[in-house]
Amino acid sequence: TGRARQYQRVFPNLITDWRKAWGTGDFPFYF
């Protein structure tokens, strides 16, 4: 919460990176 602005980048990056690492496309990500 103290770095909420940064979270606008790092959270989508986490999702994108995990999808890339598994290599199975855009699997569902519910939060």
Full PDB file with SEQRES, HELIX, SHEET, SSBOND, CRYST1, ORIGX, SCALE, CONECT and MASTER records, all heavy atoms in Angstrom:
SEQRES   1 A   31  THR GLY ARG ALA ARG GLN TYR GLN ARG VAL PHE PRO ASN          
SEQRES   2 A   31  LEU ILE THR ASP TRP ARG LYS ALA TRP GLY THR GLY ASP          
SEQRES   3 A   31  PHE PRO PHE TYR PHE                                          
HELIX    1 AA1 ALA A    4  TRP A   22  1                                  19    
CRYST1    1.000    1.000    1.000  90.00  90.00  90.00 P 1           1          
ORIGX1      1.000000  0.000000  0.000000        0.00000                         
ORIGX2      0.000000  1.000000  0.000000        0.00000                         
ORIGX3      0.000000  0.000000  1.000000        0.00000                         
SCALE1      1.000000  0.000000  0.000000        0.00000                         
SCALE2      0.000000  1.000000  0.000000        0.00000                         
SCALE3      0.000000  0.000000  1.000000        0.00000                         
ATOM      1  N   THR A   1       0.810  -1.220   0.000  1.00  0.00           N  
ATOM      2  CA  THR A   1       0.000   0.000   0.000  1.00  0.00           C  
ATOM      3  C   THR A   1       0.842   1.268   0.000  1.00  0.00           C  
ATOM      4  O   THR A   1       0.442   2.275  -0.582  1.00  0.00           O  
ATOM      5  CB  THR A   1      -0.953   0.026   1.200  1.00  0.00           C  
ATOM      6  OG1 THR A   1      -0.219  -0.206   2.412  1.00  0.00           O  
ATOM      7  CG2 THR A   1      -2.022  -1.046   1.051  1.00  0.00           C  
ATOM      8  N   GLY A   2       2.015   1.232   0.618  1.00  0.00           N  
ATOM      9  CA  GLY A   2       2.884   2.407   0.599  1.00  0.00           C  
ATOM     10  C   GLY A   2       3.519   2.665  -0.752  1.00  0.00           C  
ATOM     11  O   GLY A   2       4.106   3.733  -0.974  1.00  0.00           O  
ATOM     12  N   ARG A   3       3.398   1.690  -1.676  1.00  0.00           N  
ATOM     13  CA  ARG A   3       3.949   1.825  -3.024  1.00  0.00           C  
ATOM     14  C   ARG A   3       2.875   1.487  -4.055  1.00  0.00           C  
ATOM     15  O   ARG A   3       3.112   0.776  -5.028  1.00  0.00           O  
ATOM     16  CB  ARG A   3       5.155   0.894  -3.188  1.00  0.00           C  
ATOM     17  CG  ARG A   3       6.328   1.231  -2.277  1.00  0.00           C  
ATOM     18  CD  ARG A   3       7.405   0.173  -2.303  1.00  0.00           C  
ATOM     19  NE  ARG A   3       7.008  -1.015  -1.554  1.00  0.00           N  
ATOM     20  CZ  ARG A   3       7.095  -2.253  -2.022  1.00  0.00           C  
ATOM     21  NH1 ARG A   3       7.514  -2.483  -3.248  1.00  0.00           N  
ATOM     22  NH2 ARG A   3       6.739  -3.279  -1.277  1.00  0.00           N  
ATOM     23  N   ALA A   4       1.668   2.031  -3.820  1.00  0.00           N  
ATOM     24  CA  ALA A   4       0.524   1.674  -4.670  1.00  0.00           C  
ATOM     25  C   ALA A   4       0.740   2.078  -6.120  1.00  0.00           C  
ATOM     26  O   ALA A   4       0.335   1.358  -7.040  1.00  0.00           O  
ATOM     27  CB  ALA A   4      -0.742   2.334  -4.127  1.00  0.00           C  
ATOM     28  N   ARG A   5       1.361   3.214  -6.343  1.00  0.00           N  
ATOM     29  CA  ARG A   5       1.630   3.639  -7.722  1.00  0.00           C  
ATOM     30  C   ARG A   5       2.512   2.618  -8.434  1.00  0.00           C  
ATOM     31  O   ARG A   5       2.278   2.268  -9.595  1.00  0.00           O  
ATOM     32  CB  ARG A   5       2.299   5.016  -7.716  1.00  0.00           C  
ATOM     33  CG  ARG A   5       2.649   5.560  -9.083  1.00  0.00           C  
ATOM     34  CD  ARG A   5       1.424   6.097  -9.793  1.00  0.00           C  
ATOM     35  NE  ARG A   5       1.770   6.745 -11.043  1.00  0.00           N  
ATOM     36  CZ  ARG A   5       0.917   7.452 -11.777  1.00  0.00           C  
ATOM     37  NH1 ARG A   5      -0.325   7.607 -11.360  1.00  0.00           N  
ATOM     38  NH2 ARG A   5       1.289   8.002 -12.907  1.00  0.00           N  
ATOM     39  N   GLN A   6       3.520   2.117  -7.727  1.00  0.00           N  
ATOM     40  CA  GLN A   6       4.399   1.107  -8.298  1.00  0.00           C  
ATOM     41  C   GLN A   6       3.632  -0.167  -8.621  1.00  0.00           C  
ATOM     42  O   GLN A   6       3.929  -0.862  -9.591  1.00  0.00           O  
ATOM     43  CB  GLN A   6       5.528   0.797  -7.310  1.00  0.00           C  
ATOM     44  CG  GLN A   6       6.536  -0.229  -7.783  1.00  0.00           C  
ATOM     45  CD  GLN A   6       7.437  -0.695  -6.658  1.00  0.00           C  
ATOM     46  OE1 GLN A   6       6.983  -1.293  -5.689  1.00  0.00           O  
ATOM     47  NE2 GLN A   6       8.732  -0.410  -6.780  1.00  0.00           N  
ATOM     48  N   TYR A   7       2.620  -0.483  -7.812  1.00  0.00           N  
ATOM     49  CA  TYR A   7       1.826  -1.694  -8.000  1.00  0.00           C  
ATOM     50  C   TYR A   7       1.097  -1.691  -9.341  1.00  0.00           C  
ATOM     51  O   TYR A   7       0.772  -2.753  -9.871  1.00  0.00           O  
ATOM     52  CB  TYR A   7       0.819  -1.821  -6.863  1.00  0.00           C  
ATOM     53  CG  TYR A   7       0.384  -3.239  -6.539  1.00  0.00           C  
ATOM     54  CD1 TYR A   7       1.234  -4.113  -5.864  1.00  0.00           C  
ATOM     55  CD2 TYR A   7      -0.884  -3.695  -6.878  1.00  0.00           C  
ATOM     56  CE1 TYR A   7       0.830  -5.406  -5.541  1.00  0.00           C  
ATOM     57  CE2 TYR A   7      -1.292  -4.983  -6.553  1.00  0.00           C  
ATOM     58  CZ  TYR A   7      -0.431  -5.839  -5.895  1.00  0.00           C  
ATOM     59  OH  TYR A   7      -0.835  -7.115  -5.581  1.00  0.00           O  
ATOM     60  N   GLN A   8       0.851  -0.496  -9.889  1.00  0.00           N  
ATOM     61  CA  GLN A   8       0.243  -0.420 -11.213  1.00  0.00           C  
ATOM     62  C   GLN A   8       1.117  -1.091 -12.265  1.00  0.00           C  
ATOM     63  O   GLN A   8       0.616  -1.549 -13.296  1.00  0.00           O  
ATOM     64  CB  GLN A   8       0.009   1.044 -11.602  1.00  0.00           C  
ATOM     65  CG  GLN A   8      -1.008   1.767 -10.742  1.00  0.00           C  
ATOM     66  CD  GLN A   8      -1.204   3.209 -11.178  1.00  0.00           C  
ATOM     67  OE1 GLN A   8      -0.795   3.608 -12.281  1.00  0.00           O  
ATOM     68  NE2 GLN A   8      -1.816   4.010 -10.335  1.00  0.00           N  
ATOM     69  N   ARG A   9       2.423  -1.175 -12.006  1.00  0.00           N  
ATOM     70  CA  ARG A   9       3.344  -1.826 -12.938  1.00  0.00           C  
ATOM     71  C   ARG A   9       3.676  -3.254 -12.511  1.00  0.00           C  
ATOM     72  O   ARG A   9       3.642  -4.172 -13.317  1.00  0.00           O  
ATOM     73  CB  ARG A   9       4.646  -1.025 -13.062  1.00  0.00           C  
ATOM     74  CG  ARG A   9       4.484   0.408 -13.496  1.00  0.00           C  
ATOM     75  CD  ARG A   9       5.831   1.027 -13.860  1.00  0.00           C  
ATOM     76  NE  ARG A   9       6.853   0.804 -12.845  1.00  0.00           N  
ATOM     77  CZ  ARG A   9       7.028   1.560 -11.763  1.00  0.00           C  
ATOM     78  NH1 ARG A   9       6.241   2.605 -11.551  1.00  0.00           N  
ATOM     79  NH2 ARG A   9       7.993   1.305 -10.888  1.00  0.00           N  
ATOM     80  N   VAL A  10       4.000  -3.418 -11.212  1.00  0.00           N  
ATOM     81  CA  VAL A  10       4.550  -4.708 -10.808  1.00  0.00           C  
ATOM     82  C   VAL A  10       3.502  -5.817 -10.792  1.00  0.00           C  
ATOM     83  O   VAL A  10       3.827  -6.986 -11.066  1.00  0.00           O  
ATOM     84  CB  VAL A  10       5.249  -4.607  -9.428  1.00  0.00           C  
ATOM     85  CG1 VAL A  10       6.427  -3.650  -9.494  1.00  0.00           C  
ATOM     86  CG2 VAL A  10       4.277  -4.199  -8.333  1.00  0.00           C  
ATOM     87  N   PHE A  11       2.254  -5.497 -10.476  1.00  0.00           N  
ATOM     88  CA  PHE A  11       1.240  -6.554 -10.456  1.00  0.00           C  
ATOM     89  C   PHE A  11       0.940  -7.075 -11.866  1.00  0.00           C  
ATOM     90  O   PHE A  11       0.975  -8.300 -12.093  1.00  0.00           O  
ATOM     91  CB  PHE A  11      -0.023  -6.055  -9.755  1.00  0.00           C  
ATOM     92  CG  PHE A  11      -1.057  -7.129  -9.519  1.00  0.00           C  
ATOM     93  CD1 PHE A  11      -0.681  -8.428  -9.223  1.00  0.00           C  
ATOM     94  CD2 PHE A  11      -2.412  -6.838  -9.577  1.00  0.00           C  
ATOM     95  CE1 PHE A  11      -1.637  -9.419  -8.992  1.00  0.00           C  
ATOM     96  CE2 PHE A  11      -3.370  -7.816  -9.359  1.00  0.00           C  
ATOM     97  CZ  PHE A  11      -2.981  -9.107  -9.071  1.00  0.00           C  
ATOM     98  N   PRO A  12       0.672  -6.211 -12.851  1.00  0.00           N  
ATOM     99  CA  PRO A  12       0.515  -6.744 -14.214  1.00  0.00           C  
ATOM    100  C   PRO A  12       1.773  -7.457 -14.715  1.00  0.00           C  
ATOM    101  O   PRO A  12       1.672  -8.462 -15.440  1.00  0.00           O  
ATOM    102  CB  PRO A  12       0.207  -5.498 -15.052  1.00  0.00           C  
ATOM    103  CG  PRO A  12      -0.337  -4.508 -14.081  1.00  0.00           C  
ATOM    104  CD  PRO A  12       0.387  -4.761 -12.796  1.00  0.00           C  
ATOM    105  N   ASN A  13       2.948  -6.948 -14.318  1.00  0.00           N  
ATOM    106  CA  ASN A  13       4.186  -7.602 -14.747  1.00  0.00           C  
ATOM    107  C   ASN A  13       4.289  -9.009 -14.177  1.00  0.00           C  
ATOM    108  O   ASN A  13       4.774  -9.930 -14.848  1.00  0.00           O  
ATOM    109  CB  ASN A  13       5.401  -6.780 -14.317  1.00  0.00           C  
ATOM    110  CG  ASN A  13       5.592  -5.547 -15.170  1.00  0.00           C  
ATOM    111  OD1 ASN A  13       4.955  -5.397 -16.213  1.00  0.00           O  
ATOM    112  ND2 ASN A  13       6.453  -4.644 -14.734  1.00  0.00           N  
ATOM    113  N   LEU A  14       3.850  -9.182 -12.917  1.00  0.00           N  
ATOM    114  CA  LEU A  14       3.875 -10.519 -12.316  1.00  0.00           C  
ATOM    115  C   LEU A  14       3.002 -11.478 -13.120  1.00  0.00           C  
ATOM    116  O   LEU A  14       3.412 -12.594 -13.443  1.00  0.00           O  
ATOM    117  CB  LEU A  14       3.407 -10.443 -10.862  1.00  0.00           C  
ATOM    118  CG  LEU A  14       3.338 -11.762 -10.089  1.00  0.00           C  
ATOM    119  CD1 LEU A  14       3.730 -11.559  -8.631  1.00  0.00           C  
ATOM    120  CD2 LEU A  14       1.927 -12.383 -10.146  1.00  0.00           C  
ATOM    121  N   ILE A  15       1.789 -11.040 -13.433  1.00  0.00           N  
ATOM    122  CA  ILE A  15       0.863 -11.898 -14.175  1.00  0.00           C  
ATOM    123  C   ILE A  15       1.437 -12.250 -15.545  1.00  0.00           C  
ATOM    124  O   ILE A  15       1.442 -13.415 -15.970  1.00  0.00           O  
ATOM    125  CB  ILE A  15      -0.498 -11.201 -14.325  1.00  0.00           C  
ATOM    126  CG1 ILE A  15      -1.135 -10.985 -12.943  1.00  0.00           C  
ATOM    127  CG2 ILE A  15      -1.435 -12.009 -15.223  1.00  0.00           C  
ATOM    128  CD1 ILE A  15      -2.384 -10.123 -12.974  1.00  0.00           C  
ATOM    129  N   THR A  16       1.942 -11.242 -16.238  1.00  0.00           N  
ATOM    130  CA  THR A  16       2.510 -11.459 -17.578  1.00  0.00           C  
ATOM    131  C   THR A  16       3.717 -12.394 -17.515  1.00  0.00           C  
ATOM    132  O   THR A  16       3.885 -13.274 -18.369  1.00  0.00           O  
ATOM    133  CB  THR A  16       2.904 -10.112 -18.196  1.00  0.00           C  
ATOM    134  OG1 THR A  16       1.748  -9.267 -18.285  1.00  0.00           O  
ATOM    135  CG2 THR A  16       3.495 -10.305 -19.586  1.00  0.00           C  
ATOM    136  N   ASP A  17       4.554 -12.216 -16.486  1.00  0.00           N  
ATOM    137  CA  ASP A  17       5.756 -13.038 -16.360  1.00  0.00           C  
ATOM    138  C   ASP A  17       5.399 -14.490 -16.059  1.00  0.00           C  
ATOM    139  O   ASP A  17       6.009 -15.416 -16.629  1.00  0.00           O  
ATOM    140  CB  ASP A  17       6.647 -12.477 -15.252  1.00  0.00           C  
ATOM    141  CG  ASP A  17       7.943 -13.249 -15.107  1.00  0.00           C  
ATOM    142  OD1 ASP A  17       8.753 -13.229 -16.049  1.00  0.00           O  
ATOM    143  OD2 ASP A  17       8.136 -13.899 -14.060  1.00  0.00           O  
ATOM    144  N   TRP A  18       4.434 -14.724 -15.176  1.00  0.00           N  
ATOM    145  CA  TRP A  18       4.037 -16.099 -14.884  1.00  0.00           C  
ATOM    146  C   TRP A  18       3.466 -16.772 -16.128  1.00  0.00           C  
ATOM    147  O   TRP A  18       3.760 -17.938 -16.407  1.00  0.00           O  
ATOM    148  CB  TRP A  18       2.993 -16.117 -13.766  1.00  0.00           C  
ATOM    149  CG  TRP A  18       3.553 -15.850 -12.394  1.00  0.00           C  
ATOM    150  CD1 TRP A  18       4.768 -15.306 -12.085  1.00  0.00           C  
ATOM    151  CD2 TRP A  18       2.905 -16.132 -11.153  1.00  0.00           C  
ATOM    152  NE1 TRP A  18       4.915 -15.212 -10.727  1.00  0.00           N  
ATOM    153  CE2 TRP A  18       3.792 -15.714 -10.122  1.00  0.00           C  
ATOM    154  CE3 TRP A  18       1.677 -16.668 -10.809  1.00  0.00           C  
ATOM    155  CZ2 TRP A  18       3.471 -15.825  -8.777  1.00  0.00           C  
ATOM    156  CZ3 TRP A  18       1.354 -16.787  -9.469  1.00  0.00           C  
ATOM    157  CH2 TRP A  18       2.247 -16.373  -8.459  1.00  0.00           C  
ATOM    158  N   ARG A  19       2.663 -16.068 -16.880  1.00  0.00           N  
ATOM    159  CA  ARG A  19       2.100 -16.647 -18.096  1.00  0.00           C  
ATOM    160  C   ARG A  19       3.196 -16.979 -19.105  1.00  0.00           C  
ATOM    161  O   ARG A  19       3.163 -18.031 -19.763  1.00  0.00           O  
ATOM    162  CB  ARG A  19       1.078 -15.687 -18.703  1.00  0.00           C  
ATOM    163  CG  ARG A  19      -0.224 -15.596 -17.891  1.00  0.00           C  
ATOM    164  CD  ARG A  19      -1.123 -14.491 -18.379  1.00  0.00           C  
ATOM    165  NE  ARG A  19      -2.468 -14.577 -17.790  1.00  0.00           N  
ATOM    166  CZ  ARG A  19      -3.419 -13.670 -17.955  1.00  0.00           C  
ATOM    167  NH1 ARG A  19      -3.173 -12.591 -18.709  1.00  0.00           N  
ATOM    168  NH2 ARG A  19      -4.602 -13.828 -17.397  1.00  0.00           N  
ATOM    169  N   LYS A  20       4.182 -16.111 -19.195  1.00  0.00           N  
ATOM    170  CA  LYS A  20       5.301 -16.371 -20.102  1.00  0.00           C  
ATOM    171  C   LYS A  20       6.107 -17.581 -19.632  1.00  0.00           C  
ATOM    172  O   LYS A  20       6.527 -18.423 -20.443  1.00  0.00           O  
ATOM    173  CB  LYS A  20       6.195 -15.137 -20.176  1.00  0.00           C  
ATOM    174  CG  LYS A  20       7.397 -15.293 -21.080  1.00  0.00           C  
ATOM    175  CD  LYS A  20       8.236 -14.015 -21.105  1.00  0.00           C  
ATOM    176  CE  LYS A  20       9.469 -14.182 -21.986  1.00  0.00           C  
ATOM    177  NZ  LYS A  20      10.299 -12.927 -21.982  1.00  0.00           N  
ATOM    178  N   ALA A  21       6.325 -17.681 -18.310  1.00  0.00           N  
ATOM    179  CA  ALA A  21       7.133 -18.776 -17.769  1.00  0.00           C  
ATOM    180  C   ALA A  21       6.475 -20.124 -18.015  1.00  0.00           C  
ATOM    181  O   ALA A  21       7.162 -21.110 -18.334  1.00  0.00           O  
ATOM    182  CB  ALA A  21       7.360 -18.564 -16.269  1.00  0.00           C  
ATOM    183  N   TRP A  22       5.168 -20.211 -17.884  1.00  0.00           N  
ATOM    184  CA  TRP A  22       4.484 -21.491 -18.120  1.00  0.00           C  
ATOM    185  C   TRP A  22       4.319 -21.785 -19.610  1.00  0.00           C  
ATOM    186  O   TRP A  22       4.227 -22.937 -20.006  1.00  0.00           O  
ATOM    187  CB  TRP A  22       3.124 -21.499 -17.422  1.00  0.00           C  
ATOM    188  CG  TRP A  22       3.145 -22.269 -16.138  1.00  0.00           C  
ATOM    189  CD1 TRP A  22       3.020 -23.620 -15.982  1.00  0.00           C  
ATOM    190  CD2 TRP A  22       3.308 -21.755 -14.811  1.00  0.00           C  
ATOM    191  NE1 TRP A  22       3.088 -23.980 -14.652  1.00  0.00           N  
ATOM    192  CE2 TRP A  22       3.265 -22.846 -13.909  1.00  0.00           C  
ATOM    193  CE3 TRP A  22       3.486 -20.475 -14.291  1.00  0.00           C  
ATOM    194  CZ2 TRP A  22       3.391 -22.698 -12.526  1.00  0.00           C  
ATOM    195  CZ3 TRP A  22       3.603 -20.321 -12.913  1.00  0.00           C  
ATOM    196  CH2 TRP A  22       3.565 -21.417 -12.056  1.00  0.00           C  
ATOM    197  N   GLY A  23       4.225 -20.725 -20.401  1.00  0.00           N  
ATOM    198  CA  GLY A  23       4.172 -20.921 -21.843  1.00  0.00           C  
ATOM    199  C   GLY A  23       2.908 -21.573 -22.342  1.00  0.00           C  
ATOM    200  O   GLY A  23       2.918 -22.242 -23.385  1.00  0.00           O  
ATOM    201  N   THR A  24       1.795 -21.383 -21.603  1.00  0.00           N  
ATOM    202  CA  THR A  24       0.533 -22.007 -22.020  1.00  0.00           C  
ATOM    203  C   THR A  24      -0.529 -20.961 -22.360  1.00  0.00           C  
ATOM    204  O   THR A  24      -1.720 -21.266 -22.377  1.00  0.00           O  
ATOM    205  CB  THR A  24      -0.008 -22.922 -20.911  1.00  0.00           C  
ATOM    206  OG1 THR A  24      -0.167 -22.156 -19.703  1.00  0.00           O  
ATOM    207  CG2 THR A  24       0.946 -24.078 -20.654  1.00  0.00           C  
ATOM    208  N   GLY A  25      -0.102 -19.750 -22.638  1.00  0.00           N  
ATOM    209  CA  GLY A  25      -1.046 -18.699 -22.988  1.00  0.00           C  
ATOM    210  C   GLY A  25      -1.550 -17.927 -21.776  1.00  0.00           C  
ATOM    211  O   GLY A  25      -1.014 -18.040 -20.669  1.00  0.00           O  
ATOM    212  N   ASP A  26      -2.592 -17.158 -21.992  1.00  0.00           N  
ATOM    213  CA  ASP A  26      -3.129 -16.289 -20.942  1.00  0.00           C  
ATOM    214  C   ASP A  26      -4.096 -17.065 -20.054  1.00  0.00           C  
ATOM    215  O   ASP A  26      -5.326 -16.934 -20.150  1.00  0.00           O  
ATOM    216  CB  ASP A  26      -3.840 -15.084 -21.572  1.00  0.00           C  
ATOM    217  CG  ASP A  26      -2.877 -14.163 -22.300  1.00  0.00           C  
ATOM    218  OD1 ASP A  26      -1.691 -14.151 -21.941  1.00  0.00           O  
ATOM    219  OD2 ASP A  26      -3.326 -13.450 -23.226  1.00  0.00           O  
ATOM    220  N   PHE A  27      -3.543 -17.892 -19.168  1.00  0.00           N  
ATOM    221  CA  PHE A  27      -4.409 -18.660 -18.283  1.00  0.00           C  
ATOM    222  C   PHE A  27      -5.149 -17.715 -17.326  1.00  0.00           C  
ATOM    223  O   PHE A  27      -4.719 -16.591 -17.077  1.00  0.00           O  
ATOM    224  CB  PHE A  27      -3.626 -19.723 -17.512  1.00  0.00           C  
ATOM    225  CG  PHE A  27      -2.428 -19.217 -16.748  1.00  0.00           C  
ATOM    226  CD1 PHE A  27      -2.572 -18.443 -15.601  1.00  0.00           C  
ATOM    227  CD2 PHE A  27      -1.137 -19.543 -17.168  1.00  0.00           C  
ATOM    228  CE1 PHE A  27      -1.476 -18.005 -14.887  1.00  0.00           C  
ATOM    229  CE2 PHE A  27      -0.032 -19.099 -16.466  1.00  0.00           C  
ATOM    230  CZ  PHE A  27      -0.195 -18.323 -15.323  1.00  0.00           C  
ATOM    231  N   PRO A  28      -6.291 -18.134 -16.785  1.00  0.00           N  
ATOM    232  CA  PRO A  28      -7.091 -17.260 -15.931  1.00  0.00           C  
ATOM    233  C   PRO A  28      -6.306 -16.811 -14.699  1.00  0.00           C  
ATOM    234  O   PRO A  28      -5.589 -17.601 -14.082  1.00  0.00           O  
ATOM    235  CB  PRO A  28      -8.279 -18.140 -15.526  1.00  0.00           C  
ATOM    236  CG  PRO A  28      -8.338 -19.213 -16.548  1.00  0.00           C  
ATOM    237  CD  PRO A  28      -6.930 -19.451 -16.978  1.00  0.00           C  
ATOM    238  N   PHE A  29      -6.473 -15.556 -14.367  1.00  0.00           N  
ATOM    239  CA  PHE A  29      -5.842 -15.006 -13.169  1.00  0.00           C  
ATOM    240  C   PHE A  29      -6.894 -14.161 -12.451  1.00  0.00           C  
ATOM    241  O   PHE A  29      -7.231 -13.066 -12.889  1.00  0.00           O  
ATOM    242  CB  PHE A  29      -4.622 -14.147 -13.541  1.00  0.00           C  
ATOM    243  CG  PHE A  29      -3.662 -13.921 -12.404  1.00  0.00           C  
ATOM    244  CD1 PHE A  29      -2.431 -14.554 -12.382  1.00  0.00           C  
ATOM    245  CD2 PHE A  29      -3.979 -13.074 -11.360  1.00  0.00           C  
ATOM    246  CE1 PHE A  29      -1.529 -14.356 -11.341  1.00  0.00           C  
ATOM    247  CE2 PHE A  29      -3.099 -12.866 -10.307  1.00  0.00           C  
ATOM    248  CZ  PHE A  29      -1.868 -13.503 -10.301  1.00  0.00           C  
ATOM    249  N   TYR A  30      -7.425 -14.695 -11.350  1.00  0.00           N  
ATOM    250  CA  TYR A  30      -8.480 -14.021 -10.598  1.00  0.00           C  
ATOM    251  C   TYR A  30      -7.925 -13.575  -9.247  1.00  0.00           C  
ATOM    252  O   TYR A  30      -7.266 -14.357  -8.549  1.00  0.00           O  
ATOM    253  CB  TYR A  30      -9.678 -14.954 -10.402  1.00  0.00           C  
ATOM    254  CG  TYR A  30     -10.258 -15.450 -11.708  1.00  0.00           C  
ATOM    255  CD1 TYR A  30     -10.431 -16.811 -11.951  1.00  0.00           C  
ATOM    256  CD2 TYR A  30     -10.618 -14.551 -12.708  1.00  0.00           C  
ATOM    257  CE1 TYR A  30     -10.960 -17.262 -13.150  1.00  0.00           C  
ATOM    258  CE2 TYR A  30     -11.140 -14.993 -13.905  1.00  0.00           C  
ATOM    259  CZ  TYR A  30     -11.307 -16.350 -14.132  1.00  0.00           C  
ATOM    260  OH  TYR A  30     -11.821 -16.784 -15.326  1.00  0.00           O  
ATOM    261  N   PHE A  31      -8.197 -12.342  -8.883  1.00  0.00           N  
ATOM    262  CA  PHE A  31      -7.594 -11.795  -7.669  1.00  0.00           C  
ATOM    263  C   PHE A  31      -8.630 -11.064  -6.827  1.00  0.00           C  
ATOM    264  O   PHE A  31      -9.716 -10.718  -7.292  1.00  0.00           O  
ATOM    265  CB  PHE A  31      -6.430 -10.870  -8.015  1.00  0.00           C  
ATOM    266  CG  PHE A  31      -6.751  -9.776  -8.989  1.00  0.00           C  
ATOM    267  CD1 PHE A  31      -7.181  -8.526  -8.555  1.00  0.00           C  
ATOM    268  CD2 PHE A  31      -6.610  -9.979 -10.360  1.00  0.00           C  
ATOM    269  CE1 PHE A  31      -7.480  -7.513  -9.448  1.00  0.00           C  
ATOM    270  CE2 PHE A  31      -6.903  -8.971 -11.267  1.00  0.00           C  
ATOM    271  CZ  PHE A  31      -7.338  -7.734 -10.809  1.00  0.00           C  
TER     272      PHE A  31                                                      
MASTER        0    0    0    1    0    0    0    6  271    1    0    3          
END                                                                             
